[in-house]
Amino acid sequence: MTDQMYVEQPETVTQSRIDQRVFDLYDEYCHGRIDRRTFFARAAAVTVGGLAMAQALMPNYAKAQMVQFTDTRIKASYVSYPSPGGTSDQMKGYLVRPTAGNGPYGAVLVVHENRGLNPYIEDTARAAAVAGFLALAPDGLSPVGGYPGNDDDGREMQAKLEQPKLRTDMLNSAKFLKAHALSNGKLGVTGFCWGGGTTNWLAATMGADMQAGAPYYGVVAAADLVKDVRAPLLVHLAETDPNINPGYPAYEAALKAAGRSIEVHTYPGTQHGFHNTSTPRYNEAAAKLSWERTVAHFKKHLA
């Protein structure tokens, strides 16, 4: 991804003007522990101007788009494919390929957060294609109607799914992409929040069939699965993320003890979700650097 794709986003209320207590409440809201009404009410009560801060944290996808869907460097389409054992045995996803060359390309699965395939994740898939990869962003909500057009409903829909079946849908998506005619058979996975945890889970579940992983602020794989990880992992963490960060020292130690490759980067001054361009949690410098590292990681292992 080039520098112009990470231009500073104009914000009415910037990250530096938002009280950390409001960020903490937003994290609770994003992860489904409180609803929107409660988030707004508690934000308004915790500090002067808290309601405006809370409103500023709502995503603005149109303003945040980095790679236009009409960009001539890529070709995108929605695809359907089988998903045996998943929510409905069928899945849909957003497939993006570079227009340069005829392939095959290294394959990158882009796994969404806990709210389905929203515009930010589609944008990230386009960015992966701009970087030279065949990218697939699956929509875990597609078996129940697809991303509904807003994150609140998407979050509620995803929470109601049977999680083992949803993860099976992600596993089948990875297998579909790896075997695609335009894929060179080498698979990388990146994901954000829920998708970061799914990246770690896929690394353990797929073993040697996954060549590289780059999870962003996602939960670690279960301790009994660490031994099955084979893919080198490049982990991106926010400095302020008390629900995610405590799991990583033991995870990193266990992987290294098993002879696996893991590199963990924590980005100063960042909040959970710092890569997401659509809210003031976005940190331009950290998003750019983490993505450059991710692209380099995938180019090294998927060539």
C-alpha atoms as a PDB file:
ATOM      1  CA  MET A   1       0.000   0.000   0.000  1.00  0.00           C
ATOM      2  CA  THR A   2       1.455   3.356  -0.973  1.00  0.00           C
ATOM      3  CA  ASP A   3       1.611   6.473   1.182  1.00  0.00           C
ATOM      4  CA  GLN A   4      -1.288   8.200  -0.559  1.00  0.00           C
ATOM      5  CA  MET A   5      -3.610   5.434   0.655  1.00  0.00           C
ATOM      6  CA  TYR A   6      -3.030   6.542   4.216  1.00  0.00           C
ATOM      7  CA  VAL A   7      -3.789  10.240   3.945  1.00  0.00           C
ATOM      8  CA  GLU A   8      -4.859  11.864   7.193  1.00  0.00           C
ATOM      9  CA  GLN A   9      -8.597  11.727   7.731  1.00  0.00           C
ATOM     10  CA  PRO A  10     -10.297  15.041   8.600  1.00  0.00           C
ATOM     11  CA  GLU A  11     -12.166  14.638  11.894  1.00  0.00           C
ATOM     12  CA  THR A  12     -14.506  16.954  13.752  1.00  0.00           C
ATOM     13  CA  VAL A  13     -13.426  15.257  16.975  1.00  0.00           C
ATOM     14  CA  THR A  14      -9.925  13.814  16.733  1.00  0.00           C
ATOM     15  CA  GLN A  15      -8.405  10.975  18.739  1.00  0.00           C
ATOM     16  CA  SER A  16      -6.403  13.371  20.927  1.00  0.00           C
ATOM     17  CA  ARG A  17      -9.630  15.095  22.036  1.00  0.00           C
ATOM     18  CA  ILE A  18     -11.437  11.914  23.107  1.00  0.00           C
ATOM     19  CA  ASP A  19     -11.375  10.928  26.755  1.00  0.00           C
ATOM     20  CA  GLN A  20      -9.849   7.479  27.336  1.00  0.00           C
ATOM     21  CA  ARG A  21     -12.937   6.517  29.319  1.00  0.00           C
ATOM     22  CA  VAL A  22     -15.021   7.047  26.180  1.00  0.00           C
ATOM     23  CA  PHE A  23     -12.609   4.875  24.190  1.00  0.00           C
ATOM     24  CA  ASP A  24     -13.007   2.179  26.852  1.00  0.00           C
ATOM     25  CA  LEU A  25     -16.787   2.390  26.582  1.00  0.00           C
ATOM     26  CA  TYR A  26     -16.551   2.213  22.796  1.00  0.00           C
ATOM     27  CA  ASP A  27     -14.522  -0.968  23.111  1.00  0.00           C
ATOM     28  CA  GLU A  28     -17.300  -2.426  25.266  1.00  0.00           C
ATOM     29  CA  TYR A  29     -19.857  -1.353  22.655  1.00  0.00           C
ATOM     30  CA  CYS A  30     -17.864  -2.697  19.697  1.00  0.00           C
ATOM     31  CA  HIS A  31     -17.564  -6.083  21.337  1.00  0.00           C
ATOM     32  CA  GLY A  32     -21.275  -6.313  22.051  1.00  0.00           C
ATOM     33  CA  ARG A  33     -21.099  -5.954  25.817  1.00  0.00           C
ATOM     34  CA  ILE A  34     -23.281  -2.826  25.812  1.00  0.00           C
ATOM     35  CA  ASP A  35     -25.697  -1.489  23.192  1.00  0.00           C
ATOM     36  CA  ARG A  36     -25.519   1.864  21.375  1.00  0.00           C
ATOM     37  CA  ARG A  37     -28.001   3.593  23.674  1.00  0.00           C
ATOM     38  CA  THR A  38     -26.037   2.557  26.762  1.00  0.00           C
ATOM     39  CA  PHE A  39     -22.758   3.583  25.135  1.00  0.00           C
ATOM     40  CA  PHE A  40     -24.054   7.078  24.401  1.00  0.00           C
ATOM     41  CA  ALA A  41     -25.612   7.448  27.846  1.00  0.00           C
ATOM     42  CA  ARG A  42     -22.500   6.370  29.730  1.00  0.00           C
ATOM     43  CA  ALA A  43     -20.224   8.482  27.525  1.00  0.00           C
ATOM     44  CA  ALA A  44     -22.370  11.542  28.199  1.00  0.00           C
ATOM     45  CA  ALA A  45     -22.184  10.881  31.931  1.00  0.00           C
ATOM     46  CA  VAL A  46     -18.470  10.225  32.199  1.00  0.00           C
ATOM     47  CA  THR A  47     -17.151  13.582  30.929  1.00  0.00           C
ATOM     48  CA  VAL A  48     -18.165  16.959  29.529  1.00  0.00           C
ATOM     49  CA  GLY A  49     -18.653  16.555  25.790  1.00  0.00           C
ATOM     50  CA  GLY A  50     -18.743  12.776  26.122  1.00  0.00           C
ATOM     51  CA  LEU A  51     -21.761  12.397  23.864  1.00  0.00           C
ATOM     52  CA  ALA A  52     -20.016  14.262  21.023  1.00  0.00           C
ATOM     53  CA  MET A  53     -16.952  12.071  21.531  1.00  0.00           C
ATOM     54  CA  ALA A  54     -19.096   8.943  21.371  1.00  0.00           C
ATOM     55  CA  GLN A  55     -20.856  10.121  18.222  1.00  0.00           C
ATOM     56  CA  ALA A  56     -17.494  10.877  16.588  1.00  0.00           C
ATOM     57  CA  LEU A  57     -16.430   7.269  17.122  1.00  0.00           C
ATOM     58  CA  MET A  58     -19.210   5.939  14.907  1.00  0.00           C
ATOM     59  CA  PRO A  59     -17.720   4.700  11.608  1.00  0.00           C
ATOM     60  CA  ASN A  60     -17.841   6.864   8.496  1.00  0.00           C
ATOM     61  CA  TYR A  61     -17.022   4.424   5.721  1.00  0.00           C
ATOM     62  CA  ALA A  62     -17.540   6.753   2.760  1.00  0.00           C
ATOM     63  CA  LYS A  63     -15.033   9.264   4.081  1.00  0.00           C
ATOM     64  CA  ALA A  64     -12.534   6.589   5.049  1.00  0.00           C
ATOM     65  CA  GLN A  65     -12.259   4.708   1.745  1.00  0.00           C
ATOM     66  CA  MET A  66      -8.622   4.406   0.700  1.00  0.00           C
ATOM     67  CA  VAL A  67      -8.782   2.369  -2.523  1.00  0.00           C
ATOM     68  CA  GLN A  68     -11.741   3.128  -4.769  1.00  0.00           C
ATOM     69  CA  PHE A  69     -13.632   0.127  -6.116  1.00  0.00           C
ATOM     70  CA  THR A  70     -13.087   1.585  -9.617  1.00  0.00           C
ATOM     71  CA  ASP A  71      -9.293   1.667  -9.208  1.00  0.00           C
ATOM     72  CA  THR A  72      -7.777   0.428 -12.474  1.00  0.00           C
ATOM     73  CA  ARG A  73      -5.023  -1.505 -10.679  1.00  0.00           C
ATOM     74  CA  ILE A  74      -7.516  -4.085  -9.445  1.00  0.00           C
ATOM     75  CA  LYS A  75     -10.488  -6.137 -10.546  1.00  0.00           C
ATOM     76  CA  ALA A  76     -13.085  -7.058  -7.916  1.00  0.00           C
ATOM     77  CA  SER A  77     -16.147  -9.275  -7.885  1.00  0.00           C
ATOM     78  CA  TYR A  78     -18.413 -11.100  -5.449  1.00  0.00           C
ATOM     79  CA  VAL A  79     -18.066 -14.856  -5.565  1.00  0.00           C
ATOM     80  CA  SER A  80     -19.941 -17.835  -4.105  1.00  0.00           C
ATOM     81  CA  TYR A  81     -18.423 -21.144  -3.064  1.00  0.00           C
ATOM     82  CA  PRO A  82     -19.280 -24.251  -1.045  1.00  0.00           C
ATOM     83  CA  SER A  83     -18.770 -24.307   2.718  1.00  0.00           C
ATOM     84  CA  PRO A  84     -19.559 -27.792   4.001  1.00  0.00           C
ATOM     85  CA  GLY A  85     -20.196 -27.864   7.723  1.00  0.00           C
ATOM     86  CA  GLY A  86     -20.643 -24.107   7.904  1.00  0.00           C
ATOM     87  CA  THR A  87     -23.711 -22.053   8.703  1.00  0.00           C
ATOM     88  CA  SER A  88     -25.554 -22.957   5.487  1.00  0.00           C
ATOM     89  CA  ASP A  89     -23.020 -24.965   3.434  1.00  0.00           C
ATOM     90  CA  GLN A  90     -22.582 -21.940   1.139  1.00  0.00           C
ATOM     91  CA  MET A  91     -20.491 -18.788   1.417  1.00  0.00           C
ATOM     92  CA  LYS A  92     -19.982 -15.519  -0.430  1.00  0.00           C
ATOM     93  CA  GLY A  93     -16.962 -13.280  -0.462  1.00  0.00           C
ATOM     94  CA  TYR A  94     -15.328 -10.289  -2.088  1.00  0.00           C
ATOM     95  CA  LEU A  95     -12.539 -11.442  -4.423  1.00  0.00           C
ATOM     96  CA  VAL A  96      -9.995  -8.903  -5.647  1.00  0.00           C
ATOM     97  CA  ARG A  97      -7.107  -9.498  -8.016  1.00  0.00           C
ATOM     98  CA  PRO A  98      -4.396  -7.261  -9.438  1.00  0.00           C
ATOM     99  CA  THR A  99      -4.799  -6.250 -13.071  1.00  0.00           C
ATOM    100  CA  ALA A 100      -1.042  -6.406 -13.554  1.00  0.00           C
ATOM    101  CA  GLY A 101       0.003  -9.784 -14.918  1.00  0.00           C
ATOM    102  CA  ASN A 102      -1.988 -12.952 -15.310  1.00  0.00           C
ATOM    103  CA  GLY A 103      -1.029 -14.648 -12.064  1.00  0.00           C
ATOM    104  CA  PRO A 104      -0.705 -16.868 -10.282  1.00  0.00           C
ATOM    105  CA  TYR A 105      -0.530 -14.610  -7.236  1.00  0.00           C
ATOM    106  CA  GLY A 106       0.133 -15.147  -3.579  1.00  0.00           C
ATOM    107  CA  ALA A 107      -3.250 -15.482  -1.861  1.00  0.00           C
ATOM    108  CA  VAL A 108      -4.346 -13.366   1.119  1.00  0.00           C
ATOM    109  CA  LEU A 109      -7.497 -14.004   3.125  1.00  0.00           C
ATOM    110  CA  VAL A 110      -8.801 -10.839   4.842  1.00  0.00           C
ATOM    111  CA  VAL A 111     -11.001 -11.721   7.827  1.00  0.00           C
ATOM    112  CA  HIS A 112     -13.550  -9.216   9.094  1.00  0.00           C
ATOM    113  CA  GLU A 113     -14.316  -8.041  12.608  1.00  0.00           C
ATOM    114  CA  ASN A 114     -17.359  -9.125  14.621  1.00  0.00           C
ATOM    115  CA  ARG A 115     -19.872  -7.468  12.292  1.00  0.00           C
ATOM    116  CA  GLY A 116     -19.540  -9.032   8.847  1.00  0.00           C
ATOM    117  CA  LEU A 117     -18.032  -7.799   5.612  1.00  0.00           C
ATOM    118  CA  ASN A 118     -18.287  -4.043   6.029  1.00  0.00           C
ATOM    119  CA  PRO A 119     -16.789  -1.453   3.621  1.00  0.00           C
ATOM    120  CA  TYR A 120     -13.563  -1.138   5.625  1.00  0.00           C
ATOM    121  CA  ILE A 121     -12.747  -4.827   5.170  1.00  0.00           C
ATOM    122  CA  GLU A 122     -13.571  -4.657   1.446  1.00  0.00           C
ATOM    123  CA  ASP A 123     -11.236  -1.656   1.254  1.00  0.00           C
ATOM    124  CA  THR A 124      -8.484  -3.670   2.934  1.00  0.00           C
ATOM    125  CA  ALA A 125      -8.946  -6.496   0.430  1.00  0.00           C
ATOM    126  CA  ARG A 126      -8.529  -3.973  -2.381  1.00  0.00           C
ATOM    127  CA  ALA A 127      -5.358  -2.730  -0.702  1.00  0.00           C
ATOM    128  CA  ALA A 128      -4.014  -6.292  -0.627  1.00  0.00           C
ATOM    129  CA  ALA A 129      -4.683  -6.606  -4.361  1.00  0.00           C
ATOM    130  CA  VAL A 130      -2.943  -3.280  -5.021  1.00  0.00           C
ATOM    131  CA  ALA A 131       0.056  -4.791  -3.225  1.00  0.00           C
ATOM    132  CA  GLY A 132       0.041  -7.683  -5.715  1.00  0.00           C
ATOM    133  CA  PHE A 133      -1.976 -10.410  -4.015  1.00  0.00           C
ATOM    134  CA  LEU A 134      -5.133 -12.308  -4.858  1.00  0.00           C
ATOM    135  CA  ALA A 135      -7.354 -11.319  -1.940  1.00  0.00           C
ATOM    136  CA  LEU A 136     -10.586 -12.754  -0.607  1.00  0.00           C
ATOM    137  CA  ALA A 137     -12.686 -11.110   2.106  1.00  0.00           C
ATOM    138  CA  PRO A 138     -15.375 -13.622   3.118  1.00  0.00           C
ATOM    139  CA  ASP A 139     -18.671 -12.454   4.584  1.00  0.00           C
ATOM    140  CA  GLY A 140     -19.510 -14.655   7.548  1.00  0.00           C
ATOM    141  CA  LEU A 141     -23.015 -13.175   7.463  1.00  0.00           C
ATOM    142  CA  SER A 142     -23.687 -14.207   3.867  1.00  0.00           C
ATOM    143  CA  PRO A 143     -25.509 -17.430   4.898  1.00  0.00           C
ATOM    144  CA  VAL A 144     -28.005 -15.286   6.863  1.00  0.00           C
ATOM    145  CA  GLY A 145     -28.432 -12.490   4.347  1.00  0.00           C
ATOM    146  CA  GLY A 146     -25.040 -10.806   4.318  1.00  0.00           C
ATOM    147  CA  TYR A 147     -23.691  -7.640   5.922  1.00  0.00           C
ATOM    148  CA  PRO A 148     -26.855  -5.586   6.560  1.00  0.00           C
ATOM    149  CA  GLY A 149     -25.412  -2.172   5.751  1.00  0.00           C
ATOM    150  CA  ASN A 150     -24.696  -1.060   9.315  1.00  0.00           C
ATOM    151  CA  ASP A 151     -22.418  -2.350  12.034  1.00  0.00           C
ATOM    152  CA  ASP A 152     -24.995  -2.502  14.839  1.00  0.00           C
ATOM    153  CA  ASP A 153     -27.194  -4.991  13.030  1.00  0.00           C
ATOM    154  CA  GLY A 154     -24.150  -6.807  11.678  1.00  0.00           C
ATOM    155  CA  ARG A 155     -22.729  -7.245  15.172  1.00  0.00           C
ATOM    156  CA  GLU A 156     -26.029  -8.606  16.444  1.00  0.00           C
ATOM    157  CA  MET A 157     -26.335 -11.002  13.515  1.00  0.00           C
ATOM    158  CA  GLN A 158     -22.821 -12.354  13.939  1.00  0.00           C
ATOM    159  CA  ALA A 159     -23.262 -12.857  17.673  1.00  0.00           C
ATOM    160  CA  LYS A 160     -26.275 -15.104  16.999  1.00  0.00           C
ATOM    161  CA  LEU A 161     -24.377 -17.447  14.683  1.00  0.00           C
ATOM    162  CA  GLU A 162     -23.020 -20.764  15.895  1.00  0.00           C
ATOM    163  CA  GLN A 163     -19.368 -19.850  16.335  1.00  0.00           C
ATOM    164  CA  PRO A 164     -17.901 -23.259  15.370  1.00  0.00           C
ATOM    165  CA  LYS A 165     -19.850 -23.119  12.094  1.00  0.00           C
ATOM    166  CA  LEU A 166     -18.769 -19.525  11.478  1.00  0.00           C
ATOM    167  CA  ARG A 167     -15.146 -20.516  11.920  1.00  0.00           C
ATOM    168  CA  THR A 168     -15.698 -23.447   9.583  1.00  0.00           C
ATOM    169  CA  ASP A 169     -16.926 -20.922   7.011  1.00  0.00           C
ATOM    170  CA  MET A 170     -13.644 -19.029   7.400  1.00  0.00           C
ATOM    171  CA  LEU A 171     -11.663 -22.251   7.074  1.00  0.00           C
ATOM    172  CA  ASN A 172     -13.538 -23.176   3.896  1.00  0.00           C
ATOM    173  CA  SER A 173     -12.940 -19.659   2.584  1.00  0.00           C
ATOM    174  CA  ALA A 174      -9.212 -20.102   3.136  1.00  0.00           C
ATOM    175  CA  LYS A 175      -9.253 -23.444   1.324  1.00  0.00           C
ATOM    176  CA  PHE A 176     -11.255 -21.977  -1.568  1.00  0.00           C
ATOM    177  CA  LEU A 177      -8.802 -19.112  -1.977  1.00  0.00           C
ATOM    178  CA  LYS A 178      -5.712 -21.300  -1.687  1.00  0.00           C
ATOM    179  CA  ALA A 179      -7.027 -23.587  -4.443  1.00  0.00           C
ATOM    180  CA  HIS A 180      -8.225 -20.779  -6.728  1.00  0.00           C
ATOM    181  CA  ALA A 181      -6.986 -20.881 -10.317  1.00  0.00           C
ATOM    182  CA  LEU A 182      -5.260 -17.496  -9.862  1.00  0.00           C
ATOM    183  CA  SER A 183      -3.556 -18.529  -6.604  1.00  0.00           C
ATOM    184  CA  ASN A 184      -0.001 -19.815  -6.515  1.00  0.00           C
ATOM    185  CA  GLY A 185      -1.046 -22.143  -3.684  1.00  0.00           C
ATOM    186  CA  LYS A 186       0.603 -20.105  -0.934  1.00  0.00           C
ATOM    187  CA  LEU A 187      -1.813 -18.678   1.613  1.00  0.00           C
ATOM    188  CA  GLY A 188      -1.501 -15.737   3.963  1.00  0.00           C
ATOM    189  CA  VAL A 189      -4.190 -14.634   6.406  1.00  0.00           C
ATOM    190  CA  THR A 190      -4.764 -11.285   8.050  1.00  0.00           C
ATOM    191  CA  GLY A 191      -7.706 -10.181  10.164  1.00  0.00           C
ATOM    192  CA  PHE A 192      -8.854  -7.551  12.595  1.00  0.00           C
ATOM    193  CA  CYS A 193     -10.299  -7.972  16.102  1.00  0.00           C
ATOM    194  CA  TRP A 194     -12.482 -11.101  15.714  1.00  0.00           C
ATOM    195  CA  GLY A 195     -10.661 -11.646  12.442  1.00  0.00           C
ATOM    196  CA  GLY A 196      -7.304 -11.373  14.207  1.00  0.00           C
ATOM    197  CA  GLY A 197      -8.346 -14.126  16.594  1.00  0.00           C
ATOM    198  CA  THR A 198      -9.565 -16.154  13.626  1.00  0.00           C
ATOM    199  CA  THR A 199      -6.171 -15.647  11.960  1.00  0.00           C
ATOM    200  CA  ASN A 200      -4.494 -17.227  14.987  1.00  0.00           C
ATOM    201  CA  TRP A 201      -7.075 -20.031  14.995  1.00  0.00           C
ATOM    202  CA  LEU A 202      -6.574 -20.704  11.288  1.00  0.00           C
ATOM    203  CA  ALA A 203      -2.805 -20.866  11.775  1.00  0.00           C
ATOM    204  CA  ALA A 204      -3.323 -23.627  14.328  1.00  0.00           C
ATOM    205  CA  THR A 205      -6.082 -25.386  12.394  1.00  0.00           C
ATOM    206  CA  MET A 206      -4.451 -25.340   8.967  1.00  0.00           C
ATOM    207  CA  GLY A 207      -0.921 -26.118  10.109  1.00  0.00           C
ATOM    208  CA  ALA A 208       1.431 -26.396   7.138  1.00  0.00           C
ATOM    209  CA  ASP A 209      -1.356 -25.439   4.695  1.00  0.00           C
ATOM    210  CA  MET A 210      -1.068 -21.800   5.809  1.00  0.00           C
ATOM    211  CA  GLN A 211       2.160 -20.047   4.885  1.00  0.00           C
ATOM    212  CA  ALA A 212       1.923 -16.744   6.806  1.00  0.00           C
ATOM    213  CA  GLY A 213      -0.324 -14.880   9.234  1.00  0.00           C
ATOM    214  CA  ALA A 214      -0.656 -11.241  10.275  1.00  0.00           C
ATOM    215  CA  PRO A 215      -3.289 -10.903  13.018  1.00  0.00           C
ATOM    216  CA  TYR A 216      -4.313  -7.458  14.212  1.00  0.00           C
ATOM    217  CA  TYR A 217      -5.319  -7.221  17.894  1.00  0.00           C
ATOM    218  CA  GLY A 218      -7.042 -10.588  18.000  1.00  0.00           C
ATOM    219  CA  VAL A 219      -7.225 -13.178  20.759  1.00  0.00           C
ATOM    220  CA  VAL A 220      -4.527 -15.822  20.822  1.00  0.00           C
ATOM    221  CA  ALA A 221      -5.082 -19.419  19.787  1.00  0.00           C
ATOM    222  CA  ALA A 222      -5.985 -21.856  22.553  1.00  0.00           C
ATOM    223  CA  ALA A 223      -2.954 -23.163  24.429  1.00  0.00           C
ATOM    224  CA  ASP A 224      -3.540 -26.758  23.322  1.00  0.00           C
ATOM    225  CA  LEU A 225      -3.484 -25.679  19.660  1.00  0.00           C
ATOM    226  CA  VAL A 226      -0.210 -23.748  19.703  1.00  0.00           C
ATOM    227  CA  LYS A 227       1.781 -26.866  18.844  1.00  0.00           C
ATOM    228  CA  ASP A 228      -0.072 -27.089  15.517  1.00  0.00           C
ATOM    229  CA  VAL A 229       0.913 -23.617  14.276  1.00  0.00           C
ATOM    230  CA  ARG A 230       3.395 -23.699  11.399  1.00  0.00           C
ATOM    231  CA  ALA A 231       2.943 -20.346   9.658  1.00  0.00           C
ATOM    232  CA  PRO A 232       5.250 -17.493  10.704  1.00  0.00           C
ATOM    233  CA  LEU A 233       3.145 -14.899  12.513  1.00  0.00           C
ATOM    234  CA  LEU A 234       3.492 -11.122  12.420  1.00  0.00           C
ATOM    235  CA  VAL A 235       1.325  -9.717  15.218  1.00  0.00           C
ATOM    236  CA  HIS A 236       0.083  -6.127  15.476  1.00  0.00           C
ATOM    237  CA  LEU A 237      -1.121  -4.869  18.870  1.00  0.00           C
ATOM    238  CA  ALA A 238      -2.384  -1.546  20.144  1.00  0.00           C
ATOM    239  CA  GLU A 239      -0.664  -0.004  23.130  1.00  0.00           C
ATOM    240  CA  THR A 240      -3.982   0.375  24.960  1.00  0.00           C
ATOM    241  CA  ASP A 241      -5.875  -2.905  24.642  1.00  0.00           C
ATOM    242  CA  PRO A 242      -6.325  -4.586  28.036  1.00  0.00           C
ATOM    243  CA  ASN A 243      -8.721  -7.225  26.705  1.00  0.00           C
ATOM    244  CA  ILE A 244      -6.255  -8.557  24.119  1.00  0.00           C
ATOM    245  CA  ASN A 245      -2.643  -7.817  25.055  1.00  0.00           C
ATOM    246  CA  PRO A 246      -2.303  -9.900  28.255  1.00  0.00           C
ATOM    247  CA  GLY A 247      -2.565 -13.151  26.297  1.00  0.00           C
ATOM    248  CA  TYR A 248       0.421 -12.508  24.064  1.00  0.00           C
ATOM    249  CA  PRO A 249       3.492 -12.961  26.301  1.00  0.00           C
ATOM    250  CA  ALA A 250       2.588 -16.602  27.021  1.00  0.00           C
ATOM    251  CA  TYR A 251       1.492 -17.174  23.403  1.00  0.00           C
ATOM    252  CA  GLU A 252       4.748 -15.782  22.061  1.00  0.00           C
ATOM    253  CA  ALA A 253       6.795 -17.793  24.554  1.00  0.00           C
ATOM    254  CA  ALA A 254       4.948 -21.026  23.727  1.00  0.00           C
ATOM    255  CA  LEU A 255       5.396 -20.568  19.979  1.00  0.00           C
ATOM    256  CA  LYS A 256       9.093 -19.812  20.333  1.00  0.00           C
ATOM    257  CA  ALA A 257       9.554 -22.780  22.648  1.00  0.00           C
ATOM    258  CA  ALA A 258       7.995 -24.949  19.935  1.00  0.00           C
ATOM    259  CA  GLY A 259      10.411 -23.526  17.361  1.00  0.00           C
ATOM    260  CA  ARG A 260       7.803 -21.412  15.594  1.00  0.00           C
ATOM    261  CA  SER A 261       8.304 -17.926  14.203  1.00  0.00           C
ATOM    262  CA  ILE A 262       6.392 -15.036  15.798  1.00  0.00           C
ATOM    263  CA  GLU A 263       7.146 -11.320  15.723  1.00  0.00           C
ATOM    264  CA  VAL A 264       5.022  -9.007  17.870  1.00  0.00           C
ATOM    265  CA  HIS A 265       4.768  -5.258  17.325  1.00  0.00           C
ATOM    266  CA  THR A 266       2.985  -2.936  19.754  1.00  0.00           C
ATOM    267  CA  TYR A 267       2.272   0.540  18.391  1.00  0.00           C
ATOM    268  CA  PRO A 268       2.669   3.457  20.825  1.00  0.00           C
ATOM    269  CA  GLY A 269      -0.244   5.805  21.346  1.00  0.00           C
ATOM    270  CA  THR A 270      -2.796   3.485  19.724  1.00  0.00           C
ATOM    271  CA  GLN A 271      -6.169   2.054  20.654  1.00  0.00           C
ATOM    272  CA  HIS A 272      -7.734  -1.277  19.673  1.00  0.00           C
ATOM    273  CA  GLY A 273      -8.845  -0.818  16.063  1.00  0.00           C
ATOM    274  CA  PHE A 274      -6.078   1.596  15.080  1.00  0.00           C
ATOM    275  CA  HIS A 275      -5.932   0.248  11.516  1.00  0.00           C
ATOM    276  CA  ASN A 276      -9.610   0.964  10.853  1.00  0.00           C
ATOM    277  CA  THR A 277      -9.742   4.169   8.828  1.00  0.00           C
ATOM    278  CA  SER A 278     -13.393   4.903   9.560  1.00  0.00           C
ATOM    279  CA  THR A 279     -13.225   6.215  13.165  1.00  0.00           C
ATOM    280  CA  PRO A 280     -10.924   8.436  15.282  1.00  0.00           C
ATOM    281  CA  ARG A 281      -9.302   5.293  16.696  1.00  0.00           C
ATOM    282  CA  TYR A 282      -7.470   5.225  13.365  1.00  0.00           C
ATOM    283  CA  ASN A 283      -3.803   6.078  13.782  1.00  0.00           C
ATOM    284  CA  GLU A 284      -2.286   7.017  10.435  1.00  0.00           C
ATOM    285  CA  ALA A 285       1.348   6.336  11.314  1.00  0.00           C
ATOM    286  CA  ALA A 286       0.655   2.980  12.976  1.00  0.00           C
ATOM    287  CA  ALA A 287      -1.770   1.877  10.246  1.00  0.00           C
ATOM    288  CA  LYS A 288       0.728   2.685   7.520  1.00  0.00           C
ATOM    289  CA  LEU A 289       3.698   1.048   9.257  1.00  0.00           C
ATOM    290  CA  SER A 290       1.765  -2.069  10.247  1.00  0.00           C
ATOM    291  CA  TRP A 291       0.438  -2.500   6.718  1.00  0.00           C
ATOM    292  CA  GLU A 292       3.894  -2.043   5.177  1.00  0.00           C
ATOM    293  CA  ARG A 293       5.163  -4.742   7.527  1.00  0.00           C
ATOM    294  CA  THR A 294       2.238  -7.007   6.644  1.00  0.00           C
ATOM    295  CA  VAL A 295       2.811  -6.616   2.905  1.00  0.00           C
ATOM    296  CA  ALA A 296       6.532  -7.314   3.322  1.00  0.00           C
ATOM    297  CA  HIS A 297       5.743 -10.381   5.471  1.00  0.00           C
ATOM    298  CA  PHE A 298       3.413 -11.774   2.830  1.00  0.00           C
ATOM    299  CA  LYS A 299       5.769 -11.000  -0.050  1.00  0.00           C
ATOM    300  CA  LYS A 300       8.502 -12.896   1.778  1.00  0.00           C
ATOM    301  CA  HIS A 301       6.426 -15.997   2.477  1.00  0.00           C
ATOM    302  CA  LEU A 302       3.962 -16.117  -0.425  1.00  0.00           C
ATOM    303  CA  ALA A 303       6.274 -15.491  -3.364  1.00  0.00           C
END
